[in-house]
Amino acid sequence: MEWPALLDATARECVEVLRELPDDGFSRRATGLEWSCRTTLDHVVEGLLGYTALLATRADRRWTSLLGTLRPGLPLEHCLEGVTTTATLLSRTVAASPDARAWHPWGTSDAAGFAAMGITELTMHTHDIAQAFGVRWRSENCAPVVERLFPDAPAHSDPFALLLWCTGRDELPGVPRREQWQWHGAVAA
């Protein structure tokens, strides 16, 4: 499994679908969130940059004090460049630091864990935004993410549907929707 390549591929596919959405519609609320689609892009950028900072500095006790966000008023194309840039920064940090460990509130993690967290942020929030525009979209990069971050997930043949369930976004047949969720970022012993 090449986590940097998977992260890069996921960022590309997410940006491709978001690029097709109308720029003037990003003030609408993202599906399932209390934020607008534009604020959701800010959240993705902040998360990816935060994961990069934690891993690069091998943080050992708290979230980074670095705040990264998109400048207000930017057109969608520029915002998507910010998503691509922060995903690339995380991808390159993962590639350069495969044995690194860093603090995260949901468990001290390794490079693979931070890559999986980044892929989850990209995938789930692209889903949230696309749904707000009535666009059906799915990623094919979910199986390794579910395996790494959600080891307690039930067996299911569709990794994307399973990731939606793991992150409280949908039901699975015979399994109610999760009301609360958390991934397991800690490195397995």
N, C-alpha and C. Protein backbone atom coordinates (compact mmCIF):
# COMPACT_ATOMS: atom_id res chain seq x y z
N MET A 1 0.84 -1.19 0.00
CA MET A 1 0.00 0.00 0.00
C MET A 1 0.88 1.25 0.00
N GLU A 2 0.72 2.06 -0.97
CA GLU A 2 1.44 3.33 -1.07
C GLU A 2 0.52 4.45 -0.60
N TRP A 3 0.61 4.80 0.65
CA TRP A 3 -0.27 5.83 1.21
C TRP A 3 -0.12 7.18 0.53
N PRO A 4 1.09 7.67 0.23
CA PRO A 4 1.18 8.96 -0.45
C PRO A 4 0.46 8.95 -1.81
N ALA A 5 0.62 7.89 -2.57
CA ALA A 5 -0.05 7.80 -3.87
C ALA A 5 -1.56 7.76 -3.71
N LEU A 6 -2.05 7.04 -2.70
CA LEU A 6 -3.48 6.97 -2.46
C LEU A 6 -4.03 8.33 -2.04
N LEU A 7 -3.29 9.05 -1.21
CA LEU A 7 -3.69 10.39 -0.80
C LEU A 7 -3.72 11.33 -2.00
N ASP A 8 -2.70 11.29 -2.83
CA ASP A 8 -2.66 12.14 -4.03
C ASP A 8 -3.83 11.82 -4.96
N ALA A 9 -4.11 10.54 -5.18
CA ALA A 9 -5.20 10.15 -6.07
C ALA A 9 -6.55 10.61 -5.53
N THR A 10 -6.72 10.48 -4.22
CA THR A 10 -7.98 10.91 -3.61
C THR A 10 -8.16 12.41 -3.74
N ALA A 11 -7.10 13.16 -3.49
CA ALA A 11 -7.19 14.62 -3.63
C ALA A 11 -7.56 14.99 -5.06
N ARG A 12 -6.95 14.34 -6.04
CA ARG A 12 -7.27 14.64 -7.44
C ARG A 12 -8.74 14.36 -7.75
N GLU A 13 -9.24 13.20 -7.32
CA GLU A 13 -10.62 12.86 -7.64
C GLU A 13 -11.61 13.79 -6.93
N CYS A 14 -11.28 14.18 -5.70
CA CYS A 14 -12.16 15.09 -4.97
C CYS A 14 -12.20 16.47 -5.64
N VAL A 15 -11.04 16.98 -5.98
CA VAL A 15 -10.98 18.29 -6.63
C VAL A 15 -11.70 18.26 -7.98
N GLU A 16 -11.56 17.16 -8.71
CA GLU A 16 -12.24 17.05 -10.02
C GLU A 16 -13.76 17.18 -9.87
N VAL A 17 -14.35 16.49 -8.89
CA VAL A 17 -15.80 16.57 -8.75
C VAL A 17 -16.21 17.95 -8.23
N LEU A 18 -15.44 18.53 -7.32
CA LEU A 18 -15.79 19.84 -6.78
C LEU A 18 -15.66 20.94 -7.83
N ARG A 19 -14.72 20.78 -8.73
CA ARG A 19 -14.50 21.77 -9.79
C ARG A 19 -15.72 21.90 -10.71
N GLU A 20 -16.51 20.86 -10.80
CA GLU A 20 -17.69 20.87 -11.67
C GLU A 20 -18.90 21.58 -11.04
N LEU A 21 -18.80 21.90 -9.77
CA LEU A 21 -19.93 22.54 -9.07
C LEU A 21 -19.91 24.04 -9.30
N PRO A 22 -21.08 24.68 -9.28
CA PRO A 22 -21.11 26.13 -9.52
C PRO A 22 -20.49 26.92 -8.35
N ASP A 23 -19.58 27.78 -8.69
CA ASP A 23 -18.84 28.59 -7.71
C ASP A 23 -19.78 29.37 -6.79
N ASP A 24 -20.87 29.84 -7.34
CA ASP A 24 -21.77 30.70 -6.56
C ASP A 24 -22.67 29.93 -5.60
N GLY A 25 -22.59 28.59 -5.57
CA GLY A 25 -23.43 27.81 -4.67
C GLY A 25 -22.76 27.37 -3.39
N PHE A 26 -21.53 27.79 -3.14
CA PHE A 26 -20.78 27.29 -1.99
C PHE A 26 -21.18 27.95 -0.67
N SER A 27 -22.13 28.88 -0.73
CA SER A 27 -22.65 29.45 0.52
C SER A 27 -23.73 28.55 1.13
N ARG A 28 -24.23 27.59 0.37
CA ARG A 28 -25.25 26.68 0.91
C ARG A 28 -24.62 25.74 1.94
N ARG A 29 -25.47 25.24 2.82
CA ARG A 29 -25.00 24.33 3.87
C ARG A 29 -24.60 22.99 3.28
N ALA A 30 -23.45 22.47 3.72
CA ALA A 30 -23.02 21.14 3.32
C ALA A 30 -23.93 20.11 3.98
N THR A 31 -24.26 19.06 3.26
CA THR A 31 -25.18 18.03 3.77
C THR A 31 -24.65 17.43 5.07
N GLY A 32 -25.53 17.43 6.07
CA GLY A 32 -25.21 16.80 7.35
C GLY A 32 -24.34 17.63 8.27
N LEU A 33 -23.93 18.83 7.86
CA LEU A 33 -23.06 19.67 8.66
C LEU A 33 -23.75 20.99 9.00
N GLU A 34 -23.21 21.68 9.95
CA GLU A 34 -23.72 23.00 10.31
C GLU A 34 -22.99 24.12 9.56
N TRP A 35 -22.10 23.73 8.66
CA TRP A 35 -21.26 24.69 7.95
C TRP A 35 -21.69 24.81 6.50
N SER A 36 -21.29 25.91 5.88
CA SER A 36 -21.50 26.06 4.45
C SER A 36 -20.49 25.18 3.71
N CYS A 37 -20.73 25.00 2.43
CA CYS A 37 -19.77 24.24 1.61
C CYS A 37 -18.42 24.94 1.59
N ARG A 38 -18.42 26.27 1.57
CA ARG A 38 -17.15 27.02 1.57
C ARG A 38 -16.40 26.82 2.89
N THR A 39 -17.12 26.87 4.01
CA THR A 39 -16.51 26.64 5.32
C THR A 39 -16.00 25.20 5.41
N THR A 40 -16.68 24.27 4.77
CA THR A 40 -16.24 22.88 4.75
C THR A 40 -14.90 22.77 4.04
N LEU A 41 -14.71 23.51 2.94
CA LEU A 41 -13.40 23.52 2.28
C LEU A 41 -12.33 24.06 3.22
N ASP A 42 -12.65 25.12 3.98
CA ASP A 42 -11.70 25.64 4.97
C ASP A 42 -11.33 24.57 5.98
N HIS A 43 -12.32 23.83 6.44
CA HIS A 43 -12.10 22.76 7.41
C HIS A 43 -11.15 21.69 6.85
N VAL A 44 -11.36 21.32 5.60
CA VAL A 44 -10.49 20.31 4.96
C VAL A 44 -9.06 20.83 4.90
N VAL A 45 -8.89 22.06 4.45
CA VAL A 45 -7.55 22.65 4.35
C VAL A 45 -6.89 22.72 5.72
N GLU A 46 -7.64 23.17 6.72
CA GLU A 46 -7.08 23.26 8.07
C GLU A 46 -6.69 21.88 8.60
N GLY A 47 -7.54 20.88 8.36
CA GLY A 47 -7.23 19.53 8.82
C GLY A 47 -6.00 18.96 8.15
N LEU A 48 -5.92 19.07 6.83
CA LEU A 48 -4.77 18.53 6.11
C LEU A 48 -3.48 19.22 6.54
N LEU A 49 -3.53 20.54 6.68
CA LEU A 49 -2.34 21.26 7.12
C LEU A 49 -1.99 20.92 8.57
N GLY A 50 -3.01 20.77 9.40
CA GLY A 50 -2.77 20.39 10.79
C GLY A 50 -2.13 19.01 10.91
N TYR A 51 -2.62 18.04 10.12
CA TYR A 51 -2.04 16.70 10.14
C TYR A 51 -0.58 16.76 9.68
N THR A 52 -0.33 17.58 8.66
CA THR A 52 1.05 17.73 8.16
C THR A 52 1.95 18.29 9.25
N ALA A 53 1.48 19.32 9.93
CA ALA A 53 2.28 19.95 10.98
C ALA A 53 2.56 18.97 12.12
N LEU A 54 1.54 18.23 12.54
CA LEU A 54 1.73 17.27 13.62
C LEU A 54 2.77 16.22 13.24
N LEU A 55 2.63 15.66 12.04
CA LEU A 55 3.54 14.60 11.61
C LEU A 55 4.95 15.13 11.36
N ALA A 56 5.05 16.29 10.71
CA ALA A 56 6.37 16.85 10.38
C ALA A 56 7.16 17.21 11.63
N THR A 57 6.47 17.69 12.66
CA THR A 57 7.16 18.10 13.89
C THR A 57 7.20 16.98 14.92
N ARG A 58 6.52 15.88 14.60
CA ARG A 58 6.40 14.76 15.53
C ARG A 58 5.87 15.23 16.89
N ALA A 59 4.80 16.00 16.79
CA ALA A 59 4.16 16.57 17.98
C ALA A 59 3.91 15.46 19.00
N ASP A 60 4.08 15.79 20.28
CA ASP A 60 3.93 14.76 21.29
C ASP A 60 2.84 15.04 22.32
N ARG A 61 2.16 16.21 22.22
CA ARG A 61 1.18 16.44 23.29
C ARG A 61 -0.01 17.31 22.96
N ARG A 62 -0.05 18.00 21.85
CA ARG A 62 -1.22 18.84 21.58
C ARG A 62 -1.30 19.18 20.09
N TRP A 63 -2.49 19.70 19.72
CA TRP A 63 -2.73 20.13 18.35
C TRP A 63 -1.80 21.29 18.02
N THR A 64 -1.45 21.41 16.77
CA THR A 64 -0.58 22.48 16.33
C THR A 64 -1.21 23.86 16.54
N SER A 65 -0.41 24.84 16.83
CA SER A 65 -0.92 26.21 16.97
C SER A 65 -1.03 26.89 15.61
N LEU A 66 -0.58 26.22 14.57
CA LEU A 66 -0.66 26.73 13.22
C LEU A 66 -2.10 26.68 12.74
N LEU A 67 -2.59 27.77 12.22
CA LEU A 67 -3.94 27.82 11.67
C LEU A 67 -3.83 28.07 10.18
N GLY A 68 -4.33 27.16 9.39
CA GLY A 68 -4.30 27.33 7.94
C GLY A 68 -5.72 27.36 7.41
N THR A 69 -6.02 28.37 6.65
CA THR A 69 -7.36 28.49 6.09
C THR A 69 -7.26 29.17 4.73
N LEU A 70 -8.34 29.18 4.02
CA LEU A 70 -8.39 29.83 2.72
C LEU A 70 -8.76 31.30 2.91
N ARG A 71 -8.16 32.16 2.13
CA ARG A 71 -8.49 33.59 2.22
C ARG A 71 -9.93 33.81 1.83
N PRO A 72 -10.64 34.65 2.57
CA PRO A 72 -12.05 34.95 2.23
C PRO A 72 -12.16 35.54 0.82
N GLY A 73 -13.24 35.20 0.17
CA GLY A 73 -13.55 35.81 -1.13
C GLY A 73 -12.86 35.19 -2.33
N LEU A 74 -12.06 34.16 -2.12
CA LEU A 74 -11.39 33.53 -3.25
C LEU A 74 -12.39 32.79 -4.13
N PRO A 75 -12.17 32.79 -5.44
CA PRO A 75 -13.02 31.96 -6.29
C PRO A 75 -12.77 30.48 -6.02
N LEU A 76 -13.72 29.65 -6.41
CA LEU A 76 -13.64 28.22 -6.15
C LEU A 76 -12.33 27.62 -6.65
N GLU A 77 -11.90 27.99 -7.84
CA GLU A 77 -10.67 27.41 -8.40
C GLU A 77 -9.48 27.64 -7.47
N HIS A 78 -9.40 28.80 -6.85
CA HIS A 78 -8.30 29.09 -5.93
C HIS A 78 -8.45 28.27 -4.64
N CYS A 79 -9.69 28.12 -4.17
CA CYS A 79 -9.92 27.29 -2.98
C CYS A 79 -9.49 25.85 -3.24
N LEU A 80 -9.80 25.35 -4.42
CA LEU A 80 -9.42 23.97 -4.75
C LEU A 80 -7.92 23.83 -4.88
N GLU A 81 -7.23 24.88 -5.31
CA GLU A 81 -5.76 24.86 -5.29
C GLU A 81 -5.25 24.71 -3.86
N GLY A 82 -5.95 25.36 -2.92
CA GLY A 82 -5.58 25.23 -1.50
C GLY A 82 -5.76 23.81 -1.01
N VAL A 83 -6.84 23.14 -1.44
CA VAL A 83 -7.06 21.74 -1.07
C VAL A 83 -5.94 20.88 -1.65
N THR A 84 -5.64 21.08 -2.92
CA THR A 84 -4.57 20.31 -3.57
C THR A 84 -3.22 20.55 -2.89
N THR A 85 -2.94 21.79 -2.57
CA THR A 85 -1.66 22.14 -1.94
C THR A 85 -1.50 21.46 -0.59
N THR A 86 -2.53 21.54 0.25
CA THR A 86 -2.40 20.95 1.59
C THR A 86 -2.39 19.42 1.52
N ALA A 87 -3.12 18.84 0.58
CA ALA A 87 -3.06 17.38 0.42
C ALA A 87 -1.66 16.96 -0.04
N THR A 88 -1.06 17.75 -0.92
CA THR A 88 0.29 17.45 -1.40
C THR A 88 1.30 17.59 -0.27
N LEU A 89 1.15 18.61 0.56
CA LEU A 89 2.06 18.76 1.70
C LEU A 89 1.98 17.55 2.62
N LEU A 90 0.77 17.09 2.90
CA LEU A 90 0.62 15.91 3.75
C LEU A 90 1.20 14.68 3.07
N SER A 91 0.91 14.51 1.80
CA SER A 91 1.42 13.36 1.06
C SER A 91 2.94 13.31 1.08
N ARG A 92 3.58 14.44 0.84
CA ARG A 92 5.05 14.48 0.82
C ARG A 92 5.63 14.25 2.22
N THR A 93 4.96 14.72 3.23
CA THR A 93 5.42 14.49 4.60
C THR A 93 5.29 13.01 4.96
N VAL A 94 4.20 12.39 4.56
CA VAL A 94 4.02 10.95 4.79
C VAL A 94 5.12 10.17 4.08
N ALA A 95 5.41 10.54 2.83
CA ALA A 95 6.44 9.84 2.06
C ALA A 95 7.82 9.99 2.69
N ALA A 96 8.09 11.17 3.23
CA ALA A 96 9.41 11.45 3.80
C ALA A 96 9.57 10.93 5.22
N SER A 97 8.46 10.57 5.87
CA SER A 97 8.50 10.20 7.28
C SER A 97 7.73 8.91 7.56
N PRO A 98 7.99 7.83 6.86
CA PRO A 98 7.15 6.64 7.01
C PRO A 98 7.16 6.04 8.42
N ASP A 99 8.22 6.28 9.19
CA ASP A 99 8.31 5.72 10.54
C ASP A 99 7.99 6.72 11.64
N ALA A 100 7.60 7.92 11.25
CA ALA A 100 7.32 8.97 12.24
C ALA A 100 6.05 8.65 13.03
N ARG A 101 6.01 9.16 14.26
CA ARG A 101 4.84 9.07 15.12
C ARG A 101 4.53 10.48 15.60
N ALA A 102 3.24 10.77 15.76
CA ALA A 102 2.84 12.09 16.25
C ALA A 102 1.52 11.98 17.00
N TRP A 103 1.35 12.91 17.92
CA TRP A 103 0.13 12.99 18.72
C TRP A 103 -1.07 13.33 17.85
N HIS A 104 -2.19 12.77 18.19
CA HIS A 104 -3.49 13.15 17.65
C HIS A 104 -4.48 12.90 18.79
N PRO A 105 -5.53 13.71 18.92
CA PRO A 105 -6.44 13.50 20.04
C PRO A 105 -7.10 12.12 20.06
N TRP A 106 -7.14 11.43 18.94
CA TRP A 106 -7.75 10.11 18.89
C TRP A 106 -6.69 9.02 18.83
N GLY A 107 -5.50 9.31 19.30
CA GLY A 107 -4.45 8.31 19.40
C GLY A 107 -3.19 8.70 18.65
N THR A 108 -2.05 8.57 19.31
CA THR A 108 -0.77 8.83 18.64
C THR A 108 -0.69 7.94 17.42
N SER A 109 -0.40 8.56 16.28
CA SER A 109 -0.49 7.84 15.02
C SER A 109 0.82 7.85 14.26
N ASP A 110 0.83 7.08 13.20
CA ASP A 110 1.99 7.00 12.31
C ASP A 110 1.65 7.68 10.98
N ALA A 111 2.61 7.66 10.06
CA ALA A 111 2.41 8.32 8.78
C ALA A 111 1.19 7.75 8.04
N ALA A 112 1.05 6.43 8.05
CA ALA A 112 -0.10 5.80 7.38
C ALA A 112 -1.41 6.26 8.01
N GLY A 113 -1.43 6.38 9.32
CA GLY A 113 -2.63 6.85 10.00
C GLY A 113 -2.99 8.27 9.61
N PHE A 114 -1.99 9.15 9.53
CA PHE A 114 -2.27 10.53 9.13
C PHE A 114 -2.71 10.60 7.68
N ALA A 115 -2.14 9.77 6.82
CA ALA A 115 -2.59 9.73 5.42
C ALA A 115 -4.05 9.28 5.37
N ALA A 116 -4.40 8.23 6.14
CA ALA A 116 -5.78 7.74 6.16
C ALA A 116 -6.73 8.80 6.71
N MET A 117 -6.29 9.55 7.72
CA MET A 117 -7.12 10.64 8.24
C MET A 117 -7.36 11.69 7.16
N GLY A 118 -6.30 12.04 6.43
CA GLY A 118 -6.44 13.02 5.35
C GLY A 118 -7.38 12.53 4.26
N ILE A 119 -7.27 11.27 3.90
CA ILE A 119 -8.16 10.70 2.89
C ILE A 119 -9.60 10.71 3.38
N THR A 120 -9.80 10.41 4.66
CA THR A 120 -11.15 10.46 5.23
C THR A 120 -11.72 11.86 5.15
N GLU A 121 -10.93 12.86 5.56
CA GLU A 121 -11.40 14.25 5.49
C GLU A 121 -11.77 14.63 4.06
N LEU A 122 -10.89 14.34 3.12
CA LEU A 122 -11.16 14.66 1.72
C LEU A 122 -12.42 13.96 1.22
N THR A 123 -12.51 12.67 1.46
CA THR A 123 -13.61 11.87 0.93
C THR A 123 -14.95 12.25 1.54
N MET A 124 -15.00 12.31 2.85
CA MET A 124 -16.28 12.57 3.50
C MET A 124 -16.78 13.99 3.23
N HIS A 125 -15.87 14.94 3.23
CA HIS A 125 -16.35 16.31 3.01
C HIS A 125 -16.62 16.60 1.54
N THR A 126 -15.95 15.91 0.63
CA THR A 126 -16.36 16.02 -0.78
C THR A 126 -17.76 15.44 -0.93
N HIS A 127 -18.00 14.33 -0.27
CA HIS A 127 -19.35 13.74 -0.27
C HIS A 127 -20.37 14.73 0.28
N ASP A 128 -20.07 15.37 1.41
CA ASP A 128 -20.99 16.32 2.03
C ASP A 128 -21.31 17.48 1.08
N ILE A 129 -20.30 17.99 0.41
CA ILE A 129 -20.49 19.11 -0.51
C ILE A 129 -21.25 18.66 -1.75
N ALA A 130 -20.82 17.58 -2.35
CA ALA A 130 -21.50 17.09 -3.57
C ALA A 130 -22.98 16.82 -3.30
N GLN A 131 -23.28 16.21 -2.16
CA GLN A 131 -24.68 15.95 -1.79
C GLN A 131 -25.49 17.24 -1.69
N ALA A 132 -24.87 18.30 -1.19
CA ALA A 132 -25.57 19.58 -1.07
C ALA A 132 -25.98 20.12 -2.43
N PHE A 133 -25.26 19.74 -3.46
CA PHE A 133 -25.58 20.16 -4.83
C PHE A 133 -26.41 19.11 -5.57
N GLY A 134 -26.77 18.02 -4.89
CA GLY A 134 -27.54 16.96 -5.52
C GLY A 134 -26.72 16.08 -6.45
N VAL A 135 -25.40 16.09 -6.27
CA VAL A 135 -24.50 15.30 -7.11
C VAL A 135 -24.14 14.02 -6.37
N ARG A 136 -24.36 12.89 -7.05
CA ARG A 136 -23.96 11.61 -6.47
C ARG A 136 -22.51 11.36 -6.85
N TRP A 137 -21.71 11.06 -5.85
CA TRP A 137 -20.28 10.85 -6.06
C TRP A 137 -19.82 9.78 -5.10
N ARG A 138 -18.83 9.03 -5.50
CA ARG A 138 -18.26 8.02 -4.62
C ARG A 138 -16.77 7.86 -4.93
N SER A 139 -16.04 7.45 -3.94
CA SER A 139 -14.61 7.21 -4.08
C SER A 139 -14.35 5.70 -4.06
N GLU A 140 -13.34 5.30 -4.79
CA GLU A 140 -12.94 3.89 -4.80
C GLU A 140 -11.72 3.65 -3.91
N ASN A 141 -11.31 4.65 -3.14
CA ASN A 141 -10.08 4.56 -2.33
C ASN A 141 -10.33 4.31 -0.86
N CYS A 142 -11.46 3.74 -0.51
CA CYS A 142 -11.88 3.67 0.90
C CYS A 142 -11.46 2.41 1.66
N ALA A 143 -11.26 1.29 0.99
CA ALA A 143 -10.99 0.04 1.70
C ALA A 143 -9.79 0.14 2.64
N PRO A 144 -8.63 0.64 2.21
CA PRO A 144 -7.50 0.71 3.14
C PRO A 144 -7.74 1.69 4.29
N VAL A 145 -8.52 2.71 4.03
CA VAL A 145 -8.82 3.71 5.06
C VAL A 145 -9.68 3.08 6.16
N VAL A 146 -10.72 2.37 5.75
CA VAL A 146 -11.57 1.69 6.73
C VAL A 146 -10.74 0.69 7.53
N GLU A 147 -9.91 -0.07 6.85
CA GLU A 147 -9.08 -1.06 7.53
C GLU A 147 -8.15 -0.40 8.54
N ARG A 148 -7.56 0.74 8.18
CA ARG A 148 -6.59 1.41 9.08
C ARG A 148 -7.26 2.14 10.23
N LEU A 149 -8.35 2.87 9.96
CA LEU A 149 -8.93 3.74 10.99
C LEU A 149 -10.16 3.19 11.70
N PHE A 150 -10.81 2.20 11.11
CA PHE A 150 -12.05 1.68 11.68
C PHE A 150 -11.99 0.16 11.79
N PRO A 151 -11.08 -0.37 12.59
CA PRO A 151 -10.91 -1.82 12.67
C PRO A 151 -12.14 -2.54 13.22
N ASP A 152 -13.04 -1.82 13.87
CA ASP A 152 -14.24 -2.42 14.43
C ASP A 152 -15.43 -2.38 13.47
N ALA A 153 -15.22 -1.92 12.24
CA ALA A 153 -16.31 -1.81 11.28
C ALA A 153 -16.85 -3.20 10.93
N PRO A 154 -18.16 -3.28 10.71
CA PRO A 154 -18.72 -4.57 10.31
C PRO A 154 -18.27 -4.94 8.89
N ALA A 155 -18.37 -6.19 8.57
CA ALA A 155 -18.04 -6.63 7.21
C ALA A 155 -19.08 -6.06 6.25
N HIS A 156 -18.60 -5.57 5.11
CA HIS A 156 -19.50 -5.04 4.09
C HIS A 156 -18.77 -5.03 2.76
N SER A 157 -19.48 -5.30 1.69
CA SER A 157 -18.83 -5.44 0.38
C SER A 157 -18.50 -4.11 -0.30
N ASP A 158 -19.06 -3.00 0.16
CA ASP A 158 -18.84 -1.69 -0.48
C ASP A 158 -18.06 -0.79 0.49
N PRO A 159 -16.75 -0.62 0.29
CA PRO A 159 -15.94 0.18 1.21
C PRO A 159 -16.39 1.64 1.32
N PHE A 160 -16.91 2.22 0.23
CA PHE A 160 -17.38 3.61 0.31
C PHE A 160 -18.61 3.70 1.21
N ALA A 161 -19.57 2.81 1.01
CA ALA A 161 -20.77 2.78 1.88
C ALA A 161 -20.37 2.53 3.32
N LEU A 162 -19.38 1.67 3.52
CA LEU A 162 -18.91 1.38 4.87
C LEU A 162 -18.26 2.61 5.50
N LEU A 163 -17.47 3.36 4.74
CA LEU A 163 -16.87 4.58 5.28
C LEU A 163 -17.95 5.61 5.61
N LEU A 164 -18.98 5.71 4.79
CA LEU A 164 -20.11 6.59 5.11
C LEU A 164 -20.72 6.18 6.45
N TRP A 165 -20.91 4.88 6.65
CA TRP A 165 -21.47 4.41 7.91
C TRP A 165 -20.52 4.69 9.08
N CYS A 166 -19.23 4.41 8.88
CA CYS A 166 -18.25 4.61 9.95
C CYS A 166 -18.21 6.06 10.43
N THR A 167 -18.47 6.98 9.53
CA THR A 167 -18.41 8.41 9.87
C THR A 167 -19.79 9.01 10.11
N GLY A 168 -20.77 8.16 10.38
CA GLY A 168 -22.09 8.61 10.78
C GLY A 168 -22.92 9.26 9.70
N ARG A 169 -22.63 8.98 8.44
CA ARG A 169 -23.33 9.64 7.35
C ARG A 169 -24.45 8.82 6.74
N ASP A 170 -24.50 7.53 7.00
CA ASP A 170 -25.51 6.70 6.37
C ASP A 170 -25.71 5.41 7.17
N GLU A 171 -26.76 4.70 6.84
CA GLU A 171 -27.02 3.40 7.43
C GLU A 171 -26.43 2.32 6.53
N LEU A 172 -26.26 1.16 7.09
CA LEU A 172 -25.99 -0.05 6.31
C LEU A 172 -27.20 -0.95 6.47
N PRO A 173 -27.47 -1.82 5.51
CA PRO A 173 -28.61 -2.73 5.66
C PRO A 173 -28.52 -3.50 6.98
N GLY A 174 -29.54 -3.33 7.80
CA GLY A 174 -29.60 -4.02 9.07
C GLY A 174 -28.75 -3.42 10.17
N VAL A 175 -28.05 -2.32 9.89
CA VAL A 175 -27.19 -1.68 10.89
C VAL A 175 -27.58 -0.21 10.96
N PRO A 176 -28.07 0.26 12.12
CA PRO A 176 -28.49 1.66 12.20
C PRO A 176 -27.32 2.63 12.02
N ARG A 177 -27.68 3.81 11.62
CA ARG A 177 -26.70 4.88 11.45
C ARG A 177 -26.04 5.19 12.78
N ARG A 178 -24.74 5.44 12.74
CA ARG A 178 -24.01 5.81 13.96
C ARG A 178 -24.37 7.23 14.36
N GLU A 179 -24.66 7.42 15.63
CA GLU A 179 -24.94 8.76 16.15
C GLU A 179 -23.65 9.46 16.56
N GLN A 180 -22.70 8.69 17.05
CA GLN A 180 -21.39 9.22 17.43
C GLN A 180 -20.33 8.29 16.84
N TRP A 181 -19.22 8.86 16.47
CA TRP A 181 -18.17 8.04 15.89
C TRP A 181 -16.82 8.68 16.16
N GLN A 182 -15.81 7.87 16.01
CA GLN A 182 -14.44 8.32 16.17
C GLN A 182 -13.56 7.28 15.48
N TRP A 183 -12.54 7.73 14.77
CA TRP A 183 -11.64 6.75 14.19
C TRP A 183 -10.59 6.37 15.21
N HIS A 184 -9.87 5.31 14.92
CA HIS A 184 -8.81 4.82 15.78
C HIS A 184 -7.49 5.09 15.08
N GLY A 185 -6.89 6.22 15.40
CA GLY A 185 -5.66 6.62 14.74
C GLY A 185 -4.42 5.99 15.33
N ALA A 186 -4.51 5.49 16.54
CA ALA A 186 -3.34 4.94 17.23
C ALA A 186 -2.73 3.79 16.44
N VAL A 187 -1.43 3.68 16.53
CA VAL A 187 -0.71 2.61 15.86
C VAL A 187 -0.99 1.31 16.59
N ALA A 188 -1.34 0.28 15.82
CA ALA A 188 -1.59 -1.03 16.44
C ALA A 188 -0.31 -1.58 17.02
N ALA A 189 -0.42 -2.18 18.17
CA ALA A 189 0.78 -2.73 18.84
C ALA A 189 1.24 -4.01 18.19
